[in-house]
PDB file of N, CA and C in Angstrom:
ATOM      1  N   UNK A   1      18.208 -16.556 -18.076  1.00  0.00           N
ATOM      2  CA  UNK A   1      17.411 -16.742 -16.759  1.00  0.00           C
ATOM      3  C   UNK A   1      15.498 -16.202 -17.181  1.00  0.00           C
ATOM      4  N   UNK A   2      14.620 -16.978 -16.152  1.00  0.00           N
ATOM      5  CA  UNK A   2      13.569 -17.220 -16.545  1.00  0.00           C
ATOM      6  C   UNK A   2      13.069 -16.230 -15.685  1.00  0.00           C
ATOM      7  N   UNK A   3      11.935 -16.024 -15.702  1.00  0.00           N
ATOM      8  CA  UNK A   3      10.969 -15.135 -14.266  1.00  0.00           C
ATOM      9  C   UNK A   3       9.716 -15.283 -14.958  1.00  0.00           C
ATOM     10  N   UNK A   4       8.725 -15.435 -13.776  1.00  0.00           N
ATOM     11  CA  UNK A   4       7.024 -15.791 -13.784  1.00  0.00           C
ATOM     12  C   UNK A   4       7.007 -14.368 -13.161  1.00  0.00           C
ATOM     13  N   UNK A   5       5.788 -13.448 -13.609  1.00  0.00           N
ATOM     14  CA  UNK A   5       5.379 -12.213 -13.623  1.00  0.00           C
ATOM     15  C   UNK A   5       3.922 -12.850 -13.396  1.00  0.00           C
ATOM     16  N   UNK A   6       3.511 -12.285 -12.215  1.00  0.00           N
ATOM     17  CA  UNK A   6       2.017 -12.949 -11.501  1.00  0.00           C
ATOM     18  C   UNK A   6       1.322 -11.260 -11.774  1.00  0.00           C
ATOM     19  N   UNK A   7       0.470 -11.562 -12.020  1.00  0.00           N
ATOM     20  CA  UNK A   7      -1.167  -9.787 -12.416  1.00  0.00           C
ATOM     21  C   UNK A   7      -2.002 -10.580 -11.524  1.00  0.00           C
ATOM     22  N   UNK A   8      -2.676  -9.597 -10.397  1.00  0.00           N
ATOM     23  CA  UNK A   8      -4.002  -9.868  -9.857  1.00  0.00           C
ATOM     24  C   UNK A   8      -4.886  -8.477  -9.974  1.00  0.00           C
ATOM     25  N   UNK A   9      -5.954  -8.619 -10.705  1.00  0.00           N
ATOM     26  CA  UNK A   9      -6.115  -7.146 -10.657  1.00  0.00           C
ATOM     27  C   UNK A   9      -6.605  -7.297  -9.372  1.00  0.00           C
ATOM     28  N   UNK A  10      -6.909  -5.392  -9.129  1.00  0.00           N
ATOM     29  CA  UNK A  10      -7.074  -4.858  -7.769  1.00  0.00           C
ATOM     30  C   UNK A  10      -8.599  -4.676  -7.447  1.00  0.00           C
ATOM     31  N   UNK A  11      -8.751  -4.920  -6.329  1.00  0.00           N
ATOM     32  CA  UNK A  11     -10.591  -4.747  -6.131  1.00  0.00           C
ATOM     33  C   UNK A  11     -10.877  -3.111  -6.604  1.00  0.00           C
ATOM     34  N   UNK A  12     -12.128  -3.731  -7.367  1.00  0.00           N
ATOM     35  CA  UNK A  12     -12.497  -2.486  -8.087  1.00  0.00           C
ATOM     36  C   UNK A  12     -12.507  -1.845  -9.281  1.00  0.00           C
ATOM     37  N   UNK A  13     -11.322  -2.570 -10.032  1.00  0.00           N
ATOM     38  CA  UNK A  13     -10.793  -1.946 -11.101  1.00  0.00           C
ATOM     39  C   UNK A  13     -11.860  -2.828 -11.819  1.00  0.00           C
ATOM     40  N   UNK A  14     -12.099  -1.932 -13.356  1.00  0.00           N
ATOM     41  CA  UNK A  14     -13.559  -2.373 -14.202  1.00  0.00           C
ATOM     42  C   UNK A  14     -12.561  -3.090 -15.451  1.00  0.00           C
ATOM     43  N   UNK A  15     -13.281  -3.586 -16.304  1.00  0.00           N
ATOM     44  CA  UNK A  15     -12.438  -4.486 -17.605  1.00  0.00           C
ATOM     45  C   UNK A  15     -12.305  -3.134 -18.458  1.00  0.00           C
ATOM     46  N   UNK A  16     -12.488  -2.343 -18.403  1.00  0.00           N
ATOM     47  CA  UNK A  16     -12.586  -0.859 -18.878  1.00  0.00           C
ATOM     48  C   UNK A  16     -11.660  -0.072 -18.893  1.00  0.00           C
ATOM     49  N   UNK A  17     -10.790  -0.231 -17.413  1.00  0.00           N
ATOM     50  CA  UNK A  17      -9.919   0.576 -17.107  1.00  0.00           C
ATOM     51  C   UNK A  17      -9.006  -0.664 -17.447  1.00  0.00           C
ATOM     52  N   UNK A  18      -8.855  -1.502 -17.257  1.00  0.00           N
ATOM     53  CA  UNK A  18      -8.239  -2.853 -18.345  1.00  0.00           C
ATOM     54  C   UNK A  18      -7.739  -2.214 -19.580  1.00  0.00           C
ATOM     55  N   UNK A  19      -8.718  -2.603 -20.104  1.00  0.00           N
ATOM     56  CA  UNK A  19      -8.364  -2.207 -21.425  1.00  0.00           C
ATOM     57  C   UNK A  19      -7.850  -1.116 -22.048  1.00  0.00           C
ATOM     58  N   UNK A  20      -8.155  -0.139 -20.696  1.00  0.00           N
ATOM     59  CA  UNK A  20      -7.283   0.965 -21.818  1.00  0.00           C
ATOM     60  C   UNK A  20      -5.332   1.284 -20.942  1.00  0.00           C
ATOM     61  N   UNK A  21      -5.681   0.267 -20.237  1.00  0.00           N
ATOM     62  CA  UNK A  21      -4.476   0.243 -19.769  1.00  0.00           C
ATOM     63  C   UNK A  21      -3.842  -0.679 -21.233  1.00  0.00           C
ATOM     64  N   UNK A  22      -3.963  -1.357 -21.478  1.00  0.00           N
ATOM     65  CA  UNK A  22      -3.404  -2.599 -22.485  1.00  0.00           C
ATOM     66  C   UNK A  22      -3.609  -1.221 -23.574  1.00  0.00           C
ATOM     67  N   UNK A  23      -4.377  -0.650 -24.200  1.00  0.00           N
ATOM     68  CA  UNK A  23      -4.073  -0.042 -25.272  1.00  0.00           C
ATOM     69  C   UNK A  23      -3.266   0.465 -25.311  1.00  0.00           C
ATOM     70  N   UNK A  24      -2.733   1.726 -24.265  1.00  0.00           N
ATOM     71  CA  UNK A  24      -2.166   2.694 -23.582  1.00  0.00           C
ATOM     72  C   UNK A  24      -0.695   1.559 -23.916  1.00  0.00           C
ATOM     73  N   UNK A  25      -0.138   0.437 -23.097  1.00  0.00           N
ATOM     74  CA  UNK A  25       1.108  -0.215 -23.464  1.00  0.00           C
ATOM     75  C   UNK A  25       1.435  -0.266 -24.773  1.00  0.00           C
ATOM     76  N   UNK A  26       0.160  -0.227 -25.630  1.00  0.00           N
ATOM     77  CA  UNK A  26       0.641  -1.098 -27.180  1.00  0.00           C
ATOM     78  C   UNK A  26       1.185   0.608 -27.905  1.00  0.00           C
ATOM     79  N   UNK A  27      -0.019   1.399 -27.509  1.00  0.00           N
ATOM     80  CA  UNK A  27       0.207   2.634 -28.176  1.00  0.00           C
ATOM     81  C   UNK A  27       2.009   3.510 -27.844  1.00  0.00           C
ATOM     82  N   UNK A  28       2.360   3.028 -26.520  1.00  0.00           N
ATOM     83  CA  UNK A  28       3.671   3.325 -25.933  1.00  0.00           C
ATOM     84  C   UNK A  28       4.509   3.025 -26.558  1.00  0.00           C
ATOM     85  N   UNK A  29       4.182   1.308 -27.375  1.00  0.00           N
ATOM     86  CA  UNK A  29       6.038   0.434 -27.944  1.00  0.00           C
ATOM     87  C   UNK A  29       6.595  -0.225 -26.486  1.00  0.00           C
ATOM     88  N   UNK A  30       5.863  -0.279 -25.827  1.00  0.00           N
ATOM     89  CA  UNK A  30       6.028  -0.699 -24.549  1.00  0.00           C
ATOM     90  C   UNK A  30       6.504  -2.928 -24.991  1.00  0.00           C
ATOM     91  N   UNK A  31       5.487  -3.249 -26.057  1.00  0.00           N
ATOM     92  CA  UNK A  31       5.954  -4.739 -25.902  1.00  0.00           C
ATOM     93  C   UNK A  31       7.001  -4.751 -27.076  1.00  0.00           C
ATOM     94  N   UNK A  32       7.384  -3.672 -27.982  1.00  0.00           N
ATOM     95  CA  UNK A  32       8.379  -3.639 -28.785  1.00  0.00           C
ATOM     96  C   UNK A  32       9.418  -3.583 -27.596  1.00  0.00           C
ATOM     97  N   UNK A  33       9.711  -2.945 -26.644  1.00  0.00           N
ATOM     98  CA  UNK A  33      10.756  -3.103 -25.695  1.00  0.00           C
ATOM     99  C   UNK A  33      11.132  -4.420 -25.288  1.00  0.00           C
ATOM    100  N   UNK A  34      10.172  -4.926 -24.814  1.00  0.00           N
ATOM    101  CA  UNK A  34      10.061  -7.039 -24.429  1.00  0.00           C
ATOM    102  C   UNK A  34      11.083  -7.141 -25.203  1.00  0.00           C
ATOM    103  N   UNK A  35       9.858  -6.825 -26.782  1.00  0.00           N
ATOM    104  CA  UNK A  35      10.457  -8.181 -27.696  1.00  0.00           C
ATOM    105  C   UNK A  35      12.377  -8.176 -27.983  1.00  0.00           C
ATOM    106  N   UNK A  36      12.496  -6.237 -27.732  1.00  0.00           N
ATOM    107  CA  UNK A  36      13.938  -6.432 -27.945  1.00  0.00           C
ATOM    108  C   UNK A  36      14.908  -6.735 -27.146  1.00  0.00           C
ATOM    109  N   UNK A  37      14.161  -6.804 -25.618  1.00  0.00           N
ATOM    110  CA  UNK A  37      15.098  -7.244 -24.645  1.00  0.00           C
ATOM    111  C   UNK A  37      15.384  -8.347 -24.157  1.00  0.00           C
ATOM    112  N   UNK A  38      13.830  -9.079 -24.689  1.00  0.00           N
ATOM    113  CA  UNK A  38      13.742 -10.392 -24.168  1.00  0.00           C
ATOM    114  C   UNK A  38      14.150 -11.673 -25.126  1.00  0.00           C
ATOM    115  N   UNK A  39      14.644 -12.657 -24.655  1.00  0.00           N
ATOM    116  CA  UNK A  39      14.634 -13.813 -25.730  1.00  0.00           C
ATOM    117  C   UNK A  39      13.286 -14.581 -25.582  1.00  0.00           C
ATOM    118  N   UNK A  40      12.584 -14.397 -25.008  1.00  0.00           N
ATOM    119  CA  UNK A  40      10.564 -15.095 -25.040  1.00  0.00           C
ATOM    120  C   UNK A  40       9.985 -14.377 -23.765  1.00  0.00           C
ATOM    121  N   UNK A  41       8.719 -13.840 -24.174  1.00  0.00           N
ATOM    122  CA  UNK A  41       7.973 -13.362 -23.416  1.00  0.00           C
ATOM    123  C   UNK A  41       6.876 -13.920 -24.317  1.00  0.00           C
ATOM    124  N   UNK A  42       5.775 -14.360 -23.570  1.00  0.00           N
ATOM    125  CA  UNK A  42       4.115 -15.587 -23.186  1.00  0.00           C
ATOM    126  C   UNK A  42       3.637 -14.245 -22.044  1.00  0.00           C
ATOM    127  N   UNK A  43       2.700 -14.869 -22.604  1.00  0.00           N
ATOM    128  CA  UNK A  43       1.445 -14.072 -21.654  1.00  0.00           C
ATOM    129  C   UNK A  43       0.410 -14.876 -21.653  1.00  0.00           C
ATOM    130  N   UNK A  44      -0.294 -15.133 -20.211  1.00  0.00           N
ATOM    131  CA  UNK A  44      -1.358 -16.361 -20.656  1.00  0.00           C
ATOM    132  C   UNK A  44      -2.057 -15.178 -19.252  1.00  0.00           C
ATOM    133  N   UNK A  45      -3.445 -15.704 -20.106  1.00  0.00           N
ATOM    134  CA  UNK A  45      -4.840 -15.644 -19.108  1.00  0.00           C
ATOM    135  C   UNK A  45      -5.337 -16.039 -17.835  1.00  0.00           C
ATOM    136  N   UNK A  46      -5.398 -16.528 -17.190  1.00  0.00           N
ATOM    137  CA  UNK A  46      -6.421 -17.257 -16.032  1.00  0.00           C
ATOM    138  C   UNK A  46      -7.945 -17.186 -16.552  1.00  0.00           C
ATOM    139  N   UNK A  47      -8.592 -17.869 -16.984  1.00  0.00           N
ATOM    140  CA  UNK A  47      -9.978 -17.675 -17.620  1.00  0.00           C
ATOM    141  C   UNK A  47     -11.303 -18.322 -15.993  1.00  0.00           C
ATOM    142  N   UNK A  48     -12.359 -17.475 -16.188  1.00  0.00           N
ATOM    143  CA  UNK A  48     -12.886 -17.830 -15.271  1.00  0.00           C
ATOM    144  C   UNK A  48     -12.497 -17.700 -13.837  1.00  0.00           C
ATOM    145  N   UNK A  49     -11.729 -16.688 -13.127  1.00  0.00           N
ATOM    146  CA  UNK A  49     -11.794 -16.236 -12.055  1.00  0.00           C
ATOM    147  C   UNK A  49     -11.860 -14.437 -11.932  1.00  0.00           C
ATOM    148  N   UNK A  50     -12.145 -14.648 -10.177  1.00  0.00           N
ATOM    149  CA  UNK A  50     -12.321 -13.482 -10.354  1.00  0.00           C
ATOM    150  C   UNK A  50     -11.731 -12.919  -9.091  1.00  0.00           C
ATOM    151  N   UNK A  51     -10.784 -12.288  -8.695  1.00  0.00           N
ATOM    152  CA  UNK A  51     -10.876 -11.256  -9.756  1.00  0.00           C
ATOM    153  C   UNK A  51      -9.152 -11.194 -10.872  1.00  0.00           C
ATOM    154  N   UNK A  52      -9.758 -10.925 -12.330  1.00  0.00           N
ATOM    155  CA  UNK A  52      -9.090 -11.300 -13.437  1.00  0.00           C
ATOM    156  C   UNK A  52      -7.339 -11.650 -12.726  1.00  0.00           C
ATOM    157  N   UNK A  53      -6.937 -12.874 -13.923  1.00  0.00           N
ATOM    158  CA  UNK A  53      -5.517 -13.163 -13.371  1.00  0.00           C
ATOM    159  C   UNK A  53      -4.787 -12.959 -14.444  1.00  0.00           C
ATOM    160  N   UNK A  54      -3.519 -12.439 -14.403  1.00  0.00           N
ATOM    161  CA  UNK A  54      -2.281 -13.346 -15.827  1.00  0.00           C
ATOM    162  C   UNK A  54      -1.264 -13.198 -15.364  1.00  0.00           C
ATOM    163  N   UNK A  55      -0.182 -14.166 -16.159  1.00  0.00           N
ATOM    164  CA  UNK A  55       0.999 -14.157 -15.748  1.00  0.00           C
ATOM    165  C   UNK A  55       1.872 -14.148 -17.541  1.00  0.00           C
ATOM    166  N   UNK A  56       2.976 -13.929 -17.037  1.00  0.00           N
ATOM    167  CA  UNK A  56       3.957 -13.897 -18.009  1.00  0.00           C
ATOM    168  C   UNK A  56       4.587 -14.346 -18.198  1.00  0.00           C
ATOM    169  N   UNK A  57       5.400 -15.599 -18.808  1.00  0.00           N
ATOM    170  CA  UNK A  57       6.838 -16.628 -18.586  1.00  0.00           C
ATOM    171  C   UNK A  57       7.640 -15.951 -19.587  1.00  0.00           C
ATOM    172  N   UNK A  58       9.290 -15.235 -18.986  1.00  0.00           N
ATOM    173  CA  UNK A  58      10.092 -14.683 -19.916  1.00  0.00           C
ATOM    174  C   UNK A  58      10.932 -14.963 -19.438  1.00  0.00           C
ATOM    175  N   UNK A  59      12.015 -15.081 -20.548  1.00  0.00           N
ATOM    176  CA  UNK A  59      13.383 -15.625 -20.940  1.00  0.00           C
ATOM    177  C   UNK A  59      14.279 -13.838 -21.052  1.00  0.00           C
ATOM    178  N   UNK A  60      15.330 -13.664 -19.816  1.00  0.00           N
ATOM    179  CA  UNK A  60      15.669 -12.305 -20.618  1.00  0.00           C
ATOM    180  C   UNK A  60      16.930 -12.287 -19.177  1.00  0.00           C
ATOM    181  N   UNK A  61      17.810 -11.959 -19.834  1.00  0.00           N
ATOM    182  CA  UNK A  61      19.222 -11.442 -19.003  1.00  0.00           C
ATOM    183  C   UNK A  61      19.309  -9.878 -18.413  1.00  0.00           C
ATOM    184  N   UNK A  62      18.236  -9.564 -18.314  1.00  0.00           N
ATOM    185  CA  UNK A  62      17.641  -8.242 -17.767  1.00  0.00           C
ATOM    186  C   UNK A  62      17.031  -7.995 -16.488  1.00  0.00           C
ATOM    187  N   UNK A  63      17.382  -7.813 -15.265  1.00  0.00           N
ATOM    188  CA  UNK A  63      17.007  -8.275 -14.174  1.00  0.00           C
ATOM    189  C   UNK A  63      15.874  -7.152 -13.565  1.00  0.00           C
ATOM    190  N   UNK A  64      15.987  -5.921 -14.720  1.00  0.00           N
ATOM    191  CA  UNK A  64      14.894  -5.315 -14.515  1.00  0.00           C
ATOM    192  C   UNK A  64      13.674  -5.846 -15.113  1.00  0.00           C
ATOM    193  N   UNK A  65      13.169  -6.042 -15.847  1.00  0.00           N
ATOM    194  CA  UNK A  65      12.334  -6.555 -16.905  1.00  0.00           C
ATOM    195  C   UNK A  65      10.924  -6.416 -16.068  1.00  0.00           C
ATOM    196  N   UNK A  66      10.983  -6.614 -14.789  1.00  0.00           N
ATOM    197  CA  UNK A  66       9.607  -6.825 -14.277  1.00  0.00           C
ATOM    198  C   UNK A  66       8.935  -5.262 -13.992  1.00  0.00           C
ATOM    199  N   UNK A  67      10.365  -4.372 -13.475  1.00  0.00           N
ATOM    200  CA  UNK A  67       9.981  -2.766 -13.198  1.00  0.00           C
ATOM    201  C   UNK A  67       9.146  -2.452 -14.698  1.00  0.00           C
ATOM    202  N   UNK A  68       9.375  -2.886 -15.488  1.00  0.00           N
ATOM    203  CA  UNK A  68       7.866  -2.517 -16.730  1.00  0.00           C
ATOM    204  C   UNK A  68       6.494  -2.514 -16.569  1.00  0.00           C
ATOM    205  N   UNK A  69       6.608  -4.176 -16.337  1.00  0.00           N
ATOM    206  CA  UNK A  69       5.282  -4.620 -16.047  1.00  0.00           C
ATOM    207  C   UNK A  69       4.528  -3.202 -14.427  1.00  0.00           C
ATOM    208  N   UNK A  70       5.581  -3.324 -13.355  1.00  0.00           N
ATOM    209  CA  UNK A  70       4.908  -3.217 -12.244  1.00  0.00           C
ATOM    210  C   UNK A  70       4.861  -1.393 -12.201  1.00  0.00           C
ATOM    211  N   UNK A  71       5.497  -0.480 -13.402  1.00  0.00           N
ATOM    212  CA  UNK A  71       5.526   0.687 -13.664  1.00  0.00           C
ATOM    213  C   UNK A  71       4.409   1.107 -14.602  1.00  0.00           C
ATOM    214  N   UNK A  72       3.899   0.497 -15.232  1.00  0.00           N
ATOM    215  CA  UNK A  72       3.073   0.572 -16.084  1.00  0.00           C
ATOM    216  C   UNK A  72       1.236   0.181 -15.606  1.00  0.00           C
ATOM    217  N   UNK A  73       1.213  -1.250 -15.052  1.00  0.00           N
ATOM    218  CA  UNK A  73       0.540  -1.685 -14.264  1.00  0.00           C
ATOM    219  C   UNK A  73       0.255  -1.395 -12.944  1.00  0.00           C
ATOM    220  N   UNK A  74       0.517  -1.392 -12.487  1.00  0.00           N
ATOM    221  CA  UNK A  74       0.986  -1.518 -10.983  1.00  0.00           C
ATOM    222  C   UNK A  74      -0.326  -0.685 -10.078  1.00  0.00           C
ATOM    223  N   UNK A  75      -0.999   0.504 -10.877  1.00  0.00           N
ATOM    224  CA  UNK A  75      -1.739   0.676 -10.519  1.00  0.00           C
ATOM    225  C   UNK A  75      -3.176   0.497 -10.536  1.00  0.00           C
ATOM    226  N   UNK A  76      -3.088  -0.890 -11.094  1.00  0.00           N
ATOM    227  CA  UNK A  76      -4.469  -1.914 -11.441  1.00  0.00           C
ATOM    228  C   UNK A  76      -4.167  -3.302 -11.418  1.00  0.00           C
ATOM    229  N   UNK A  77      -3.307  -3.280 -10.981  1.00  0.00           N
ATOM    230  CA  UNK A  77      -2.635  -4.637 -10.610  1.00  0.00           C
ATOM    231  C   UNK A  77      -2.273  -4.801  -9.548  1.00  0.00           C
ATOM    232  N   UNK A  78      -1.848  -6.198  -9.088  1.00  0.00           N
ATOM    233  CA  UNK A  78      -0.735  -6.558  -8.131  1.00  0.00           C
ATOM    234  C   UNK A  78      -0.347  -7.519  -8.642  1.00  0.00           C
ATOM    235  N   UNK A  79       1.691  -6.844  -8.686  1.00  0.00           N
ATOM    236  CA  UNK A  79       2.208  -7.625  -9.380  1.00  0.00           C
ATOM    237  C   UNK A  79       3.246  -8.216  -8.764  1.00  0.00           C
ATOM    238  N   UNK A  80       3.358  -9.660  -8.680  1.00  0.00           N
ATOM    239  CA  UNK A  80       4.603 -10.161  -8.282  1.00  0.00           C
ATOM    240  C   UNK A  80       5.606 -10.852  -9.257  1.00  0.00           C
ATOM    241  N   UNK A  81       6.619 -11.069  -8.530  1.00  0.00           N
ATOM    242  CA  UNK A  81       7.547 -11.019  -9.960  1.00  0.00           C
ATOM    243  C   UNK A  81       8.756 -12.168  -9.173  1.00  0.00           C
ATOM    244  N   UNK A  82       8.830 -13.847 -10.143  1.00  0.00           N
ATOM    245  CA  UNK A  82       9.369 -14.691  -9.177  1.00  0.00           C
ATOM    246  C   UNK A  82      10.274 -15.250 -10.413  1.00  0.00           C
ATOM    247  N   UNK A  83      11.939 -14.833  -9.823  1.00  0.00           N
ATOM    248  CA  UNK A  83      13.321 -15.591 -10.442  1.00  0.00           C
ATOM    249  C   UNK A  83      12.655 -17.563 -10.851  1.00  0.00           C
ATOM    250  N   UNK A  84      12.703 -18.229 -11.895  1.00  0.00           N
ATOM    251  CA  UNK A  84      11.894 -19.610 -11.915  1.00  0.00           C
ATOM    252  C   UNK A  84      13.788 -20.048 -12.892  1.00  0.00           C
ATOM    253  N   UNK A  85      13.413 -21.481 -11.931  1.00  0.00           N
ATOM    254  CA  UNK A  85      14.254 -22.330 -13.129  1.00  0.00           C
ATOM    255  C   UNK A  85      13.497 -23.358 -14.097  1.00  0.00           C
ATOM    256  N   UNK A  86      13.891 -23.848 -14.852  1.00  0.00           N
ATOM    257  CA  UNK A  86      12.814 -25.003 -15.315  1.00  0.00           C
ATOM    258  C   UNK A  86      13.834 -26.068 -14.995  1.00  0.00           C
ATOM    259  N   UNK A  87      12.471 -27.261 -14.517  1.00  0.00           N
ATOM    260  CA  UNK A  87      13.593 -28.714 -13.835  1.00  0.00           C
ATOM    261  C   UNK A  87      12.120 -29.624 -14.571  1.00  0.00           C
ATOM    262  N   UNK A  88      12.619 -30.603 -14.473  1.00  0.00           N
ATOM    263  CA  UNK A  88      12.069 -31.860 -14.908  1.00  0.00           C
ATOM    264  C   UNK A  88      11.895 -32.466 -13.322  1.00  0.00           C
ATOM    265  N   UNK A  89      10.426 -32.945 -13.466  1.00  0.00           N
ATOM    266  CA  UNK A  89      10.230 -33.858 -11.734  1.00  0.00           C
ATOM    267  C   UNK A  89      11.087 -34.767 -11.598  1.00  0.00           C
ATOM    268  N   UNK A  90      12.098 -35.316 -12.223  1.00  0.00           N
ATOM    269  CA  UNK A  90      13.535 -36.040 -11.645  1.00  0.00           C
ATOM    270  C   UNK A  90      14.221 -34.812 -11.482  1.00  0.00           C
ATOM    271  N   UNK A  91      14.523 -34.076 -12.044  1.00  0.00           N
ATOM    272  CA  UNK A  91      15.248 -33.448 -11.254  1.00  0.00           C
ATOM    273  C   UNK A  91      14.698 -32.558  -9.925  1.00  0.00           C
ATOM    274  N   UNK A  92      13.648 -32.196  -9.386  1.00  0.00           N
ATOM    275  CA  UNK A  92      12.734 -31.429  -7.949  1.00  0.00           C
ATOM    276  C   UNK A  92      13.464 -32.636  -7.245  1.00  0.00           C
ATOM    277  N   UNK A  93      13.445 -34.236  -7.816  1.00  0.00           N
ATOM    278  CA  UNK A  93      13.793 -35.021  -6.832  1.00  0.00           C
ATOM    279  C   UNK A  93      15.165 -34.637  -5.777  1.00  0.00           C
ATOM    280  N   UNK A  94      15.844 -34.215  -6.481  1.00  0.00           N
ATOM    281  CA  UNK A  94      17.399 -34.305  -6.519  1.00  0.00           C
ATOM    282  C   UNK A  94      17.553 -32.694  -6.776  1.00  0.00           C
ATOM    283  N   UNK A  95      17.452 -32.106  -5.762  1.00  0.00           N
ATOM    284  CA  UNK A  95      18.004 -30.513  -6.057  1.00  0.00           C
ATOM    285  C   UNK A  95      19.159 -30.077  -5.366  1.00  0.00           C
ATOM    286  N   UNK A  96      20.081 -28.912  -5.991  1.00  0.00           N
ATOM    287  CA  UNK A  96      20.997 -29.190  -5.501  1.00  0.00           C
ATOM    288  C   UNK A  96      21.443 -27.337  -5.111  1.00  0.00           C
ATOM    289  N   UNK A  97      22.136 -27.659  -4.053  1.00  0.00           N
ATOM    290  CA  UNK A  97      22.110 -26.450  -2.984  1.00  0.00           C
ATOM    291  C   UNK A  97      21.863 -25.275  -3.490  1.00  0.00           C
ATOM    292  N   UNK A  98      20.956 -24.909  -3.192  1.00  0.00           N
ATOM    293  CA  UNK A  98      20.693 -23.204  -3.554  1.00  0.00           C
ATOM    294  C   UNK A  98      19.542 -23.214  -4.189  1.00  0.00           C
ATOM    295  N   UNK A  99      19.133 -24.603  -5.022  1.00  0.00           N
ATOM    296  CA  UNK A  99      17.413 -24.320  -5.635  1.00  0.00           C
ATOM    297  C   UNK A  99      16.446 -24.846  -5.278  1.00  0.00           C
ATOM    298  N   UNK A 100      15.380 -24.673  -5.346  1.00  0.00           N
ATOM    299  CA  UNK A 100      14.457 -24.935  -4.335  1.00  0.00           C
ATOM    300  C   UNK A 100      13.722 -26.120  -4.587  1.00  0.00           C
ATOM    301  N   UNK A 101      13.178 -26.481  -3.587  1.00  0.00           N
ATOM    302  CA  UNK A 101      12.870 -28.404  -3.600  1.00  0.00           C
ATOM    303  C   UNK A 101      11.845 -28.328  -4.257  1.00  0.00           C
TER     304      UNK A 101
END
């Protein structure tokens, strides 16, 4: 399964606070937990926007993976999680029952 997790910094959050939270993530070894439980984890930063935004594209069989992000970063970021499917434009022209158009 694929998940898209988006994060937008809450109003008033400073870069220093974000950096401290990232450092804590690394020091607590959370990244290694993701590496063990996920087939793929990719992080992307959106450049040139305010508030700061980032997103992760994750392939995993663990439905609870988004809680790791919300539990750790939720005090600084608004976190949204989406279950997504990979599809070409041609496939999007003829969605199957229950799939997004």
